[in-house]
Amino acid sequence: MPEETSPARVLIVDRDADVAGVVEAILTDAGYLTSAITDHSHEAITRAVGRVEPDCLLLDGSSSPEYGDSWAEAASLAGRQRAVPVIMFSAHRTALLEAAEGTSERARAAGFAALLSKPFDIDELLDVVALATNQSVSFDRSPEADSQRNVRLVQELRARGATDIRTSNRREWATFTPRADAAIVQLYWWQGLGVYVVGRYDQRTAVLQPIGQFASLDEALDAAFATSA
């Protein structure tokens, strides 16, 4: 029997909730797993991407009348360890032309997988989403992959000088001592929010004191090592 494959996941980032709703309806009917947010902040997008691990992202402009910070957001997604193909989803003809020509530095950095203008045609929407998702390396959700993520976490902790490292086989969980005589730190990935949660155990009471929630592992580790005295 042929191996079953999971439906591709699509994340929609659009300030207009009505537009996002229409796109979700079309893509869901076509068999995709969809999620949508209207918040264009870098933190919101990073969290949503970490939570969903989409196979492509439709990205509306962050401001009007220009495409705004979405240029940089697309470049950030292209530079992830597991890159997310981004579709420029915009009504701004100048931005679409710039992306199509690919002659500007920001257009080259964004590396859009496809372009989709507003108002959009349903067939064109389905075509560009299929094109973009076919360029994606799907996120590996297997227990084996989670175990490997913890292996990489341990390697990063050791490289930073941590000791007494204890981990789980699940993505990603560790307790460790950042340096000699420091309090024990706990770090884990909260899939439901798409963030790393970091806390420190008080050395006298053993009560867990929150340090913060972070969208990237580097930010979480920087905070853990900076605040654990």
N, C-alpha and C. Protein backbone atom coordinates (compact mmCIF):
# COMPACT_ATOMS: atom_id res chain seq x y z
N MET A 1 0.84 -1.20 0.00
CA MET A 1 0.00 0.00 0.00
C MET A 1 0.88 1.24 0.00
N PRO A 2 0.46 2.32 -0.71
CA PRO A 2 1.25 3.54 -0.70
C PRO A 2 1.25 4.17 0.68
N GLU A 3 2.36 4.80 1.03
CA GLU A 3 2.46 5.46 2.34
C GLU A 3 1.55 6.68 2.39
N GLU A 4 0.76 6.78 3.48
CA GLU A 4 -0.14 7.91 3.63
C GLU A 4 0.65 9.15 4.02
N THR A 5 0.27 10.27 3.46
CA THR A 5 0.92 11.53 3.78
C THR A 5 -0.10 12.45 4.44
N SER A 6 0.37 13.26 5.39
CA SER A 6 -0.51 14.20 6.08
C SER A 6 -0.81 15.38 5.16
N PRO A 7 -1.98 15.98 5.30
CA PRO A 7 -2.29 17.17 4.50
C PRO A 7 -1.30 18.29 4.79
N ALA A 8 -0.99 19.08 3.78
CA ALA A 8 -0.09 20.22 3.98
C ALA A 8 -0.75 21.25 4.87
N ARG A 9 0.07 21.93 5.66
CA ARG A 9 -0.41 22.95 6.59
C ARG A 9 -0.13 24.34 6.03
N VAL A 10 -1.13 25.19 6.07
CA VAL A 10 -1.00 26.55 5.54
C VAL A 10 -1.35 27.55 6.64
N LEU A 11 -0.47 28.51 6.84
CA LEU A 11 -0.72 29.59 7.79
C LEU A 11 -1.03 30.87 7.01
N ILE A 12 -2.11 31.53 7.37
CA ILE A 12 -2.53 32.77 6.71
C ILE A 12 -2.33 33.92 7.67
N VAL A 13 -1.58 34.92 7.24
CA VAL A 13 -1.37 36.12 8.06
C VAL A 13 -1.95 37.30 7.30
N ASP A 14 -3.09 37.78 7.77
CA ASP A 14 -3.80 38.86 7.05
C ASP A 14 -4.50 39.75 8.06
N ARG A 15 -4.33 41.06 7.91
CA ARG A 15 -4.97 42.00 8.82
C ARG A 15 -6.49 41.96 8.69
N ASP A 16 -6.98 41.57 7.54
CA ASP A 16 -8.42 41.52 7.29
C ASP A 16 -8.94 40.13 7.64
N ALA A 17 -9.65 40.02 8.76
CA ALA A 17 -10.14 38.72 9.22
C ALA A 17 -11.12 38.11 8.22
N ASP A 18 -11.85 38.94 7.50
CA ASP A 18 -12.81 38.42 6.53
C ASP A 18 -12.09 37.76 5.35
N VAL A 19 -11.03 38.40 4.88
CA VAL A 19 -10.25 37.81 3.80
C VAL A 19 -9.62 36.51 4.26
N ALA A 20 -9.04 36.52 5.47
CA ALA A 20 -8.43 35.32 6.01
C ALA A 20 -9.45 34.19 6.12
N GLY A 21 -10.68 34.54 6.51
CA GLY A 21 -11.72 33.53 6.64
C GLY A 21 -12.09 32.90 5.32
N VAL A 22 -12.17 33.72 4.27
CA VAL A 22 -12.48 33.19 2.94
C VAL A 22 -11.38 32.26 2.46
N VAL A 23 -10.13 32.69 2.64
CA VAL A 23 -9.00 31.86 2.22
C VAL A 23 -9.00 30.54 2.99
N GLU A 24 -9.24 30.62 4.29
CA GLU A 24 -9.30 29.39 5.10
C GLU A 24 -10.37 28.44 4.58
N ALA A 25 -11.53 28.98 4.25
CA ALA A 25 -12.63 28.13 3.78
C ALA A 25 -12.25 27.42 2.48
N ILE A 26 -11.65 28.17 1.56
CA ILE A 26 -11.28 27.58 0.27
C ILE A 26 -10.22 26.50 0.45
N LEU A 27 -9.20 26.81 1.24
CA LEU A 27 -8.11 25.86 1.41
C LEU A 27 -8.53 24.64 2.22
N THR A 28 -9.38 24.84 3.21
CA THR A 28 -9.89 23.70 3.98
C THR A 28 -10.69 22.77 3.08
N ASP A 29 -11.54 23.34 2.23
CA ASP A 29 -12.32 22.52 1.30
C ASP A 29 -11.41 21.76 0.34
N ALA A 30 -10.23 22.32 0.06
CA ALA A 30 -9.28 21.68 -0.85
C ALA A 30 -8.42 20.63 -0.14
N GLY A 31 -8.61 20.46 1.16
CA GLY A 31 -7.90 19.41 1.88
C GLY A 31 -6.71 19.86 2.69
N TYR A 32 -6.44 21.17 2.76
CA TYR A 32 -5.32 21.66 3.55
C TYR A 32 -5.72 21.83 5.01
N LEU A 33 -4.73 21.75 5.89
CA LEU A 33 -4.92 22.12 7.28
C LEU A 33 -4.53 23.59 7.41
N THR A 34 -5.44 24.41 7.90
CA THR A 34 -5.21 25.85 7.88
C THR A 34 -5.28 26.47 9.27
N SER A 35 -4.54 27.56 9.42
CA SER A 35 -4.60 28.41 10.60
C SER A 35 -4.47 29.84 10.11
N ALA A 36 -5.00 30.79 10.88
CA ALA A 36 -4.94 32.18 10.46
C ALA A 36 -4.76 33.09 11.66
N ILE A 37 -3.97 34.15 11.46
CA ILE A 37 -3.83 35.19 12.48
C ILE A 37 -3.94 36.55 11.78
N THR A 38 -4.34 37.56 12.56
CA THR A 38 -4.44 38.92 12.01
C THR A 38 -3.37 39.85 12.57
N ASP A 39 -2.60 39.35 13.52
CA ASP A 39 -1.52 40.13 14.15
C ASP A 39 -0.25 39.99 13.32
N HIS A 40 0.27 41.12 12.82
CA HIS A 40 1.46 41.09 11.96
C HIS A 40 2.76 41.30 12.73
N SER A 41 2.71 41.36 14.04
CA SER A 41 3.95 41.57 14.78
C SER A 41 4.87 40.36 14.60
N HIS A 42 6.18 40.63 14.69
CA HIS A 42 7.16 39.55 14.51
C HIS A 42 6.94 38.46 15.55
N GLU A 43 6.66 38.85 16.78
CA GLU A 43 6.46 37.86 17.84
C GLU A 43 5.25 36.97 17.53
N ALA A 44 4.16 37.58 17.09
CA ALA A 44 2.95 36.80 16.81
C ALA A 44 3.17 35.82 15.67
N ILE A 45 3.84 36.29 14.62
CA ILE A 45 4.10 35.41 13.48
C ILE A 45 5.06 34.29 13.87
N THR A 46 6.11 34.62 14.61
CA THR A 46 7.09 33.61 15.02
C THR A 46 6.43 32.54 15.89
N ARG A 47 5.57 32.98 16.80
CA ARG A 47 4.87 32.02 17.65
C ARG A 47 3.93 31.13 16.83
N ALA A 48 3.22 31.74 15.91
CA ALA A 48 2.28 30.96 15.09
C ALA A 48 3.02 29.96 14.22
N VAL A 49 4.15 30.36 13.67
CA VAL A 49 4.94 29.45 12.84
C VAL A 49 5.48 28.31 13.69
N GLY A 50 5.96 28.61 14.89
CA GLY A 50 6.46 27.57 15.78
C GLY A 50 5.37 26.61 16.20
N ARG A 51 4.17 27.13 16.40
CA ARG A 51 3.04 26.31 16.82
C ARG A 51 2.53 25.41 15.70
N VAL A 52 2.42 25.99 14.50
CA VAL A 52 1.83 25.28 13.37
C VAL A 52 2.87 24.52 12.55
N GLU A 53 4.08 25.07 12.44
CA GLU A 53 5.11 24.57 11.53
C GLU A 53 4.50 24.35 10.14
N PRO A 54 4.06 25.45 9.51
CA PRO A 54 3.34 25.32 8.24
C PRO A 54 4.24 24.92 7.08
N ASP A 55 3.60 24.40 6.05
CA ASP A 55 4.31 24.08 4.81
C ASP A 55 4.35 25.26 3.87
N CYS A 56 3.52 26.26 4.12
CA CYS A 56 3.65 27.55 3.43
C CYS A 56 2.86 28.59 4.21
N LEU A 57 3.16 29.85 3.91
CA LEU A 57 2.53 30.95 4.62
C LEU A 57 2.10 32.00 3.62
N LEU A 58 0.84 32.40 3.68
CA LEU A 58 0.36 33.54 2.89
C LEU A 58 0.52 34.77 3.74
N LEU A 59 1.33 35.72 3.27
CA LEU A 59 1.70 36.88 4.08
C LEU A 59 1.21 38.17 3.45
N ASP A 60 0.24 38.79 4.10
CA ASP A 60 -0.28 40.09 3.71
C ASP A 60 0.73 41.16 4.12
N GLY A 61 0.59 42.35 3.55
CA GLY A 61 1.46 43.45 3.94
C GLY A 61 1.16 43.92 5.35
N SER A 62 2.20 44.33 6.07
CA SER A 62 2.03 44.74 7.47
C SER A 62 1.54 46.17 7.59
N SER A 63 1.58 46.93 6.49
CA SER A 63 1.13 48.31 6.54
C SER A 63 0.59 48.71 5.19
N SER A 64 -0.12 49.82 5.18
CA SER A 64 -0.71 50.34 3.95
C SER A 64 -0.21 51.76 3.74
N PRO A 65 0.14 52.19 2.51
CA PRO A 65 -0.03 51.47 1.24
C PRO A 65 1.15 50.59 0.84
N GLU A 66 2.14 50.42 1.70
CA GLU A 66 3.30 49.63 1.32
C GLU A 66 3.21 48.24 1.93
N TYR A 67 4.15 47.37 1.55
CA TYR A 67 4.19 46.01 2.11
C TYR A 67 4.86 45.99 3.48
N GLY A 68 5.53 47.07 3.83
CA GLY A 68 6.03 47.28 5.18
C GLY A 68 7.01 46.25 5.67
N ASP A 69 6.88 45.91 6.96
CA ASP A 69 7.80 44.98 7.61
C ASP A 69 7.66 43.55 7.10
N SER A 70 6.65 43.29 6.30
CA SER A 70 6.46 41.94 5.77
C SER A 70 7.61 41.52 4.86
N TRP A 71 8.32 42.48 4.29
CA TRP A 71 9.52 42.14 3.51
C TRP A 71 10.53 41.42 4.43
N ALA A 72 10.80 42.04 5.56
CA ALA A 72 11.77 41.46 6.50
C ALA A 72 11.24 40.16 7.10
N GLU A 73 9.94 40.09 7.32
CA GLU A 73 9.35 38.87 7.89
C GLU A 73 9.54 37.69 6.94
N ALA A 74 9.34 37.94 5.65
CA ALA A 74 9.53 36.88 4.66
C ALA A 74 10.98 36.42 4.64
N ALA A 75 11.90 37.37 4.74
CA ALA A 75 13.33 37.00 4.76
C ALA A 75 13.66 36.18 5.99
N SER A 76 13.06 36.53 7.13
CA SER A 76 13.30 35.78 8.36
C SER A 76 12.80 34.34 8.23
N LEU A 77 11.65 34.16 7.62
CA LEU A 77 11.08 32.82 7.43
C LEU A 77 11.92 32.00 6.45
N ALA A 78 12.48 32.67 5.46
CA ALA A 78 13.34 31.98 4.50
C ALA A 78 14.64 31.53 5.14
N GLY A 79 15.05 32.23 6.21
CA GLY A 79 16.32 31.92 6.86
C GLY A 79 16.20 30.99 8.05
N ARG A 80 14.99 30.51 8.35
CA ARG A 80 14.83 29.56 9.46
C ARG A 80 15.59 28.27 9.17
N GLN A 81 15.87 27.51 10.24
CA GLN A 81 16.52 26.21 10.05
C GLN A 81 15.67 25.33 9.14
N ARG A 82 14.36 25.33 9.36
CA ARG A 82 13.44 24.72 8.39
C ARG A 82 12.69 25.87 7.74
N ALA A 83 13.14 26.26 6.55
CA ALA A 83 12.56 27.42 5.88
C ALA A 83 11.08 27.19 5.58
N VAL A 84 10.30 28.26 5.67
CA VAL A 84 8.88 28.21 5.34
C VAL A 84 8.66 28.98 4.04
N PRO A 85 8.19 28.32 2.97
CA PRO A 85 7.90 29.04 1.74
C PRO A 85 6.81 30.09 1.96
N VAL A 86 7.07 31.32 1.52
CA VAL A 86 6.15 32.43 1.75
C VAL A 86 5.55 32.89 0.43
N ILE A 87 4.24 33.10 0.45
CA ILE A 87 3.52 33.67 -0.70
C ILE A 87 3.23 35.13 -0.37
N MET A 88 3.72 36.05 -1.20
CA MET A 88 3.34 37.45 -1.03
C MET A 88 1.86 37.58 -1.40
N PHE A 89 1.07 38.06 -0.46
CA PHE A 89 -0.38 38.15 -0.62
C PHE A 89 -0.75 39.62 -0.43
N SER A 90 -0.93 40.34 -1.52
CA SER A 90 -0.99 41.79 -1.42
C SER A 90 -1.83 42.41 -2.53
N ALA A 91 -2.39 43.58 -2.21
CA ALA A 91 -3.10 44.38 -3.21
C ALA A 91 -2.21 45.49 -3.77
N HIS A 92 -0.97 45.57 -3.27
CA HIS A 92 -0.08 46.65 -3.66
C HIS A 92 0.71 46.27 -4.91
N ARG A 93 0.32 46.87 -6.02
CA ARG A 93 0.90 46.50 -7.33
C ARG A 93 2.39 46.76 -7.38
N THR A 94 2.82 47.86 -6.77
CA THR A 94 4.24 48.21 -6.80
C THR A 94 5.06 47.14 -6.09
N ALA A 95 4.56 46.69 -4.93
CA ALA A 95 5.28 45.66 -4.18
C ALA A 95 5.30 44.34 -4.95
N LEU A 96 4.18 44.00 -5.56
CA LEU A 96 4.11 42.76 -6.34
C LEU A 96 5.08 42.80 -7.52
N LEU A 97 5.18 43.95 -8.17
CA LEU A 97 6.09 44.10 -9.30
C LEU A 97 7.54 43.99 -8.83
N GLU A 98 7.84 44.64 -7.70
CA GLU A 98 9.19 44.57 -7.15
C GLU A 98 9.59 43.13 -6.83
N ALA A 99 8.65 42.40 -6.22
CA ALA A 99 8.93 41.00 -5.87
C ALA A 99 9.09 40.15 -7.12
N ALA A 100 8.27 40.42 -8.13
CA ALA A 100 8.32 39.64 -9.37
C ALA A 100 9.63 39.87 -10.11
N GLU A 101 10.10 41.11 -10.11
CA GLU A 101 11.35 41.42 -10.81
C GLU A 101 12.56 40.91 -10.03
N GLY A 102 12.45 40.92 -8.69
CA GLY A 102 13.53 40.40 -7.86
C GLY A 102 14.83 41.15 -7.98
N THR A 103 14.75 42.43 -8.31
CA THR A 103 15.98 43.20 -8.52
C THR A 103 16.43 43.96 -7.26
N SER A 104 15.53 44.14 -6.30
CA SER A 104 15.90 44.87 -5.08
C SER A 104 16.49 43.89 -4.07
N GLU A 105 17.28 44.44 -3.14
CA GLU A 105 17.90 43.61 -2.10
C GLU A 105 16.84 42.94 -1.23
N ARG A 106 15.80 43.69 -0.88
CA ARG A 106 14.79 43.10 0.01
C ARG A 106 13.95 42.04 -0.70
N ALA A 107 13.76 42.19 -2.00
CA ALA A 107 13.03 41.17 -2.75
C ALA A 107 13.83 39.88 -2.84
N ARG A 108 15.14 40.04 -3.06
CA ARG A 108 15.99 38.84 -3.13
C ARG A 108 16.06 38.15 -1.75
N ALA A 109 16.13 38.94 -0.68
CA ALA A 109 16.20 38.36 0.66
C ALA A 109 14.90 37.65 1.01
N ALA A 110 13.78 38.20 0.58
CA ALA A 110 12.48 37.60 0.89
C ALA A 110 12.31 36.25 0.20
N GLY A 111 12.78 36.14 -1.03
CA GLY A 111 12.75 34.87 -1.75
C GLY A 111 11.38 34.23 -1.81
N PHE A 112 10.37 35.01 -2.18
CA PHE A 112 9.00 34.51 -2.20
C PHE A 112 8.85 33.26 -3.07
N ALA A 113 8.10 32.30 -2.55
CA ALA A 113 7.82 31.09 -3.32
C ALA A 113 6.83 31.36 -4.42
N ALA A 114 5.96 32.35 -4.21
CA ALA A 114 4.94 32.70 -5.21
C ALA A 114 4.35 34.06 -4.83
N LEU A 115 3.61 34.63 -5.75
CA LEU A 115 2.94 35.91 -5.53
C LEU A 115 1.46 35.74 -5.81
N LEU A 116 0.63 36.39 -4.99
CA LEU A 116 -0.82 36.34 -5.18
C LEU A 116 -1.39 37.72 -4.92
N SER A 117 -2.00 38.29 -5.94
CA SER A 117 -2.55 39.64 -5.81
C SER A 117 -3.98 39.61 -5.30
N LYS A 118 -4.38 40.69 -4.66
CA LYS A 118 -5.76 40.88 -4.21
C LYS A 118 -6.44 41.90 -5.10
N PRO A 119 -7.72 41.70 -5.42
CA PRO A 119 -8.54 40.53 -5.12
C PRO A 119 -8.03 39.32 -5.90
N PHE A 120 -8.19 38.13 -5.32
CA PHE A 120 -7.57 36.95 -5.91
C PHE A 120 -8.60 36.07 -6.60
N ASP A 121 -8.09 35.26 -7.49
CA ASP A 121 -8.91 34.27 -8.18
C ASP A 121 -8.73 32.93 -7.46
N ILE A 122 -9.81 32.20 -7.26
CA ILE A 122 -9.75 30.96 -6.48
C ILE A 122 -8.81 29.94 -7.09
N ASP A 123 -8.80 29.84 -8.41
CA ASP A 123 -7.91 28.88 -9.06
C ASP A 123 -6.45 29.28 -8.87
N GLU A 124 -6.20 30.59 -8.96
CA GLU A 124 -4.83 31.07 -8.76
C GLU A 124 -4.39 30.82 -7.33
N LEU A 125 -5.28 31.04 -6.36
CA LEU A 125 -4.96 30.76 -4.97
C LEU A 125 -4.54 29.30 -4.79
N LEU A 126 -5.33 28.40 -5.30
CA LEU A 126 -5.01 26.98 -5.15
C LEU A 126 -3.72 26.61 -5.88
N ASP A 127 -3.49 27.23 -7.02
CA ASP A 127 -2.27 26.94 -7.78
C ASP A 127 -1.02 27.38 -7.02
N VAL A 128 -1.04 28.62 -6.47
CA VAL A 128 0.17 29.11 -5.80
C VAL A 128 0.41 28.39 -4.48
N VAL A 129 -0.66 28.01 -3.79
CA VAL A 129 -0.49 27.26 -2.54
C VAL A 129 0.10 25.89 -2.84
N ALA A 130 -0.38 25.25 -3.89
CA ALA A 130 0.19 23.95 -4.28
C ALA A 130 1.65 24.10 -4.65
N LEU A 131 1.98 25.17 -5.38
CA LEU A 131 3.37 25.42 -5.77
C LEU A 131 4.25 25.62 -4.54
N ALA A 132 3.78 26.41 -3.59
CA ALA A 132 4.58 26.72 -2.40
C ALA A 132 4.74 25.50 -1.49
N THR A 133 3.65 24.78 -1.24
CA THR A 133 3.75 23.63 -0.33
C THR A 133 4.62 22.53 -0.92
N ASN A 134 4.68 22.45 -2.24
CA ASN A 134 5.54 21.45 -2.88
C ASN A 134 7.02 21.78 -2.69
N GLN A 135 7.33 23.03 -2.33
CA GLN A 135 8.71 23.42 -2.08
C GLN A 135 9.13 23.20 -0.63
N SER A 136 8.18 22.81 0.21
CA SER A 136 8.44 22.69 1.64
C SER A 136 9.00 21.33 2.03
N VAL A 137 9.90 21.34 3.00
CA VAL A 137 10.30 20.11 3.68
C VAL A 137 9.45 20.03 4.93
N SER A 138 8.51 19.10 4.98
CA SER A 138 7.54 19.05 6.07
C SER A 138 8.22 18.84 7.41
N PHE A 139 7.65 19.44 8.43
CA PHE A 139 8.18 19.30 9.78
C PHE A 139 7.98 17.86 10.26
N ASP A 140 9.02 17.29 10.81
CA ASP A 140 8.98 15.91 11.28
C ASP A 140 8.44 15.89 12.71
N ARG A 141 7.24 15.32 12.87
CA ARG A 141 6.58 15.30 14.17
C ARG A 141 6.73 13.97 14.89
N SER A 142 7.62 13.11 14.41
CA SER A 142 7.76 11.78 14.98
C SER A 142 8.50 11.82 16.32
N PRO A 143 8.32 10.80 17.17
CA PRO A 143 9.06 10.73 18.42
C PRO A 143 10.57 10.71 18.20
N GLU A 144 11.00 10.07 17.11
CA GLU A 144 12.43 10.03 16.81
C GLU A 144 12.98 11.44 16.55
N ALA A 145 12.20 12.24 15.85
CA ALA A 145 12.63 13.61 15.57
C ALA A 145 12.67 14.45 16.85
N ASP A 146 11.68 14.24 17.73
CA ASP A 146 11.70 14.93 19.02
C ASP A 146 12.95 14.58 19.81
N SER A 147 13.31 13.31 19.79
CA SER A 147 14.51 12.87 20.49
C SER A 147 15.75 13.55 19.93
N GLN A 148 15.83 13.67 18.61
CA GLN A 148 16.97 14.34 17.99
C GLN A 148 17.01 15.83 18.35
N ARG A 149 15.85 16.46 18.49
CA ARG A 149 15.83 17.86 18.89
C ARG A 149 16.40 18.02 20.30
N ASN A 150 16.12 17.06 21.17
CA ASN A 150 16.71 17.11 22.50
C ASN A 150 18.21 16.87 22.48
N VAL A 151 18.67 16.01 21.56
CA VAL A 151 20.11 15.80 21.41
C VAL A 151 20.79 17.12 21.04
N ARG A 152 20.19 17.85 20.11
CA ARG A 152 20.76 19.15 19.70
C ARG A 152 20.70 20.15 20.84
N LEU A 153 19.63 20.09 21.64
CA LEU A 153 19.51 20.98 22.79
C LEU A 153 20.64 20.71 23.78
N VAL A 154 20.91 19.45 24.07
CA VAL A 154 22.00 19.08 24.99
C VAL A 154 23.34 19.58 24.45
N GLN A 155 23.56 19.43 23.16
CA GLN A 155 24.81 19.90 22.55
C GLN A 155 24.97 21.40 22.74
N GLU A 156 23.87 22.15 22.56
CA GLU A 156 23.91 23.60 22.71
C GLU A 156 24.16 23.97 24.17
N LEU A 157 23.53 23.26 25.09
CA LEU A 157 23.73 23.54 26.51
C LEU A 157 25.18 23.28 26.93
N ARG A 158 25.73 22.17 26.48
CA ARG A 158 27.12 21.85 26.82
C ARG A 158 28.08 22.88 26.23
N ALA A 159 27.77 23.32 25.02
CA ALA A 159 28.63 24.32 24.38
C ALA A 159 28.64 25.63 25.16
N ARG A 160 27.55 25.90 25.87
CA ARG A 160 27.46 27.13 26.67
C ARG A 160 27.98 26.93 28.09
N GLY A 161 28.38 25.70 28.43
CA GLY A 161 28.97 25.45 29.73
C GLY A 161 28.04 24.89 30.77
N ALA A 162 26.85 24.47 30.40
CA ALA A 162 25.89 23.93 31.36
C ALA A 162 26.33 22.55 31.85
N THR A 163 25.93 22.22 33.07
CA THR A 163 26.21 20.90 33.66
C THR A 163 24.92 20.35 34.27
N ASP A 164 25.00 19.11 34.75
CA ASP A 164 23.84 18.47 35.38
C ASP A 164 22.61 18.51 34.47
N ILE A 165 22.83 18.21 33.20
CA ILE A 165 21.75 18.31 32.21
C ILE A 165 20.89 17.05 32.24
N ARG A 166 19.61 17.24 32.38
CA ARG A 166 18.66 16.13 32.32
C ARG A 166 17.58 16.48 31.30
N THR A 167 17.26 15.52 30.45
CA THR A 167 16.30 15.79 29.37
C THR A 167 15.24 14.70 29.32
N SER A 168 14.25 14.96 28.48
CA SER A 168 13.21 13.99 28.17
C SER A 168 13.36 13.61 26.70
N ASN A 169 12.65 12.59 26.27
CA ASN A 169 12.62 12.25 24.85
C ASN A 169 11.61 13.09 24.08
N ARG A 170 10.84 13.87 24.81
CA ARG A 170 9.83 14.69 24.15
C ARG A 170 10.41 16.05 23.81
N ARG A 171 9.84 16.68 22.79
CA ARG A 171 10.31 18.01 22.39
C ARG A 171 9.84 19.05 23.39
N GLU A 172 10.73 19.95 23.62
CA GLU A 172 12.11 19.80 24.07
C GLU A 172 12.04 20.12 25.53
N TRP A 173 12.72 19.38 26.37
CA TRP A 173 12.62 19.53 27.83
C TRP A 173 14.00 19.29 28.42
N ALA A 174 14.40 20.20 29.31
CA ALA A 174 15.69 20.02 29.98
C ALA A 174 15.71 20.78 31.29
N THR A 175 16.38 20.19 32.29
CA THR A 175 16.79 20.94 33.47
C THR A 175 18.32 20.91 33.47
N PHE A 176 18.92 21.98 33.94
CA PHE A 176 20.38 22.08 33.89
C PHE A 176 20.86 23.17 34.83
N THR A 177 22.15 23.11 35.11
CA THR A 177 22.81 24.16 35.89
C THR A 177 23.67 24.98 34.95
N PRO A 178 23.35 26.26 34.77
CA PRO A 178 24.09 27.07 33.80
C PRO A 178 25.56 27.24 34.13
N ARG A 179 25.89 27.32 35.40
CA ARG A 179 27.29 27.46 35.81
C ARG A 179 27.40 27.05 37.27
N ALA A 180 28.61 26.92 37.76
CA ALA A 180 28.84 26.46 39.13
C ALA A 180 28.10 27.36 40.12
N ASP A 181 27.47 26.71 41.11
CA ASP A 181 26.76 27.40 42.20
C ASP A 181 25.52 28.15 41.73
N ALA A 182 25.09 27.94 40.47
CA ALA A 182 23.88 28.61 39.97
C ALA A 182 22.65 27.77 40.30
N ALA A 183 21.49 28.40 40.28
CA ALA A 183 20.23 27.70 40.49
C ALA A 183 19.93 26.83 39.27
N ILE A 184 19.17 25.78 39.51
CA ILE A 184 18.76 24.90 38.42
C ILE A 184 17.74 25.61 37.54
N VAL A 185 17.92 25.48 36.25
CA VAL A 185 17.01 26.10 35.28
C VAL A 185 16.21 25.01 34.57
N GLN A 186 14.96 25.32 34.31
CA GLN A 186 14.10 24.42 33.54
C GLN A 186 13.69 25.11 32.25
N LEU A 187 13.82 24.39 31.15
CA LEU A 187 13.46 24.92 29.83
C LEU A 187 12.63 23.88 29.11
N TYR A 188 11.51 24.32 28.51
CA TYR A 188 10.73 23.38 27.71
C TYR A 188 9.98 24.11 26.61
N TRP A 189 9.65 23.33 25.61
CA TRP A 189 8.89 23.84 24.46
C TRP A 189 7.41 23.64 24.72
N TRP A 190 6.64 24.73 24.68
CA TRP A 190 5.18 24.68 24.86
C TRP A 190 4.55 24.76 23.47
N GLN A 191 4.19 23.59 22.96
CA GLN A 191 3.70 23.50 21.59
C GLN A 191 2.43 24.32 21.38
N GLY A 192 1.54 24.31 22.38
CA GLY A 192 0.27 25.01 22.22
C GLY A 192 0.41 26.50 22.00
N LEU A 193 1.47 27.09 22.53
CA LEU A 193 1.70 28.53 22.35
C LEU A 193 2.81 28.82 21.35
N GLY A 194 3.60 27.82 21.01
CA GLY A 194 4.70 28.04 20.10
C GLY A 194 5.84 28.82 20.72
N VAL A 195 6.13 28.54 22.02
CA VAL A 195 7.19 29.27 22.72
C VAL A 195 8.01 28.32 23.59
N TYR A 196 9.23 28.76 23.89
CA TYR A 196 10.05 28.11 24.91
C TYR A 196 9.77 28.80 26.24
N VAL A 197 9.51 28.01 27.27
CA VAL A 197 9.24 28.54 28.60
C VAL A 197 10.45 28.25 29.49
N VAL A 198 10.93 29.29 30.16
CA VAL A 198 12.14 29.16 30.98
C VAL A 198 11.83 29.60 32.40
N GLY A 199 12.29 28.80 33.37
CA GLY A 199 12.14 29.16 34.77
C GLY A 199 13.36 28.74 35.57
N ARG A 200 13.50 29.28 36.77
CA ARG A 200 14.65 28.99 37.63
C ARG A 200 14.13 28.55 38.99
N TYR A 201 14.70 27.47 39.52
CA TYR A 201 14.31 26.98 40.84
C TYR A 201 15.07 27.74 41.93
N ASP A 202 14.32 28.35 42.83
CA ASP A 202 14.93 29.06 43.95
C ASP A 202 15.75 28.07 44.79
N GLN A 203 16.98 28.43 45.07
CA GLN A 203 17.88 27.51 45.76
C GLN A 203 17.49 27.26 47.21
N ARG A 204 16.72 28.16 47.79
CA ARG A 204 16.31 27.97 49.19
C ARG A 204 14.97 27.27 49.31
N THR A 205 14.01 27.65 48.45
CA THR A 205 12.64 27.13 48.58
C THR A 205 12.29 26.08 47.54
N ALA A 206 13.10 25.95 46.51
CA ALA A 206 12.83 25.04 45.38
C ALA A 206 11.59 25.42 44.60
N VAL A 207 11.12 26.66 44.78
CA VAL A 207 9.97 27.15 44.02
C VAL A 207 10.44 27.60 42.64
N LEU A 208 9.67 27.25 41.61
CA LEU A 208 10.03 27.63 40.24
C LEU A 208 9.66 29.08 39.99
N GLN A 209 10.64 29.88 39.64
CA GLN A 209 10.44 31.29 39.35
C GLN A 209 10.49 31.53 37.84
N PRO A 210 9.42 32.05 37.25
CA PRO A 210 9.41 32.25 35.80
C PRO A 210 10.49 33.24 35.36
N ILE A 211 11.15 32.92 34.27
CA ILE A 211 12.08 33.85 33.62
C ILE A 211 11.41 34.48 32.41
N GLY A 212 10.69 33.67 31.63
CA GLY A 212 9.99 34.24 30.49
C GLY A 212 9.62 33.20 29.45
N GLN A 213 8.94 33.68 28.41
CA GLN A 213 8.56 32.86 27.26
C GLN A 213 9.22 33.45 26.02
N PHE A 214 9.77 32.59 25.17
CA PHE A 214 10.60 33.05 24.07
C PHE A 214 10.26 32.28 22.80
N ALA A 215 10.23 32.99 21.69
CA ALA A 215 9.84 32.38 20.42
C ALA A 215 10.97 31.55 19.81
N SER A 216 12.22 31.84 20.18
CA SER A 216 13.33 31.09 19.61
C SER A 216 14.17 30.46 20.72
N LEU A 217 14.83 29.35 20.39
CA LEU A 217 15.67 28.66 21.37
C LEU A 217 16.85 29.54 21.78
N ASP A 218 17.44 30.25 20.84
CA ASP A 218 18.58 31.11 21.18
C ASP A 218 18.18 32.16 22.21
N GLU A 219 17.00 32.78 22.03
CA GLU A 219 16.54 33.79 22.99
C GLU A 219 16.30 33.16 24.35
N ALA A 220 15.73 31.95 24.36
CA ALA A 220 15.45 31.27 25.63
C ALA A 220 16.74 30.94 26.36
N LEU A 221 17.75 30.45 25.64
CA LEU A 221 19.01 30.11 26.26
C LEU A 221 19.76 31.35 26.73
N ASP A 222 19.72 32.41 25.94
CA ASP A 222 20.36 33.65 26.35
C ASP A 222 19.78 34.14 27.67
N ALA A 223 18.47 34.07 27.81
CA ALA A 223 17.81 34.52 29.03
C ALA A 223 18.16 33.61 30.20
N ALA A 224 18.19 32.30 29.95
CA ALA A 224 18.48 31.34 31.00
C ALA A 224 19.89 31.54 31.57
N PHE A 225 20.85 31.77 30.71
CA PHE A 225 22.23 31.93 31.16
C PHE A 225 22.51 33.32 31.71
N ALA A 226 21.75 34.31 31.26
CA ALA A 226 21.97 35.68 31.73
C ALA A 226 21.38 35.92 33.11
N THR A 227 20.26 35.26 33.42
CA THR A 227 19.54 35.58 34.66
C THR A 227 19.72 34.56 35.75
N SER A 228 20.40 33.46 35.45
CA SER A 228 20.56 32.40 36.47
C SER A 228 21.84 32.59 37.24
N ALA A 229 21.78 33.33 38.30
CA ALA A 229 22.95 33.61 39.12
C ALA A 229 23.03 32.62 40.27
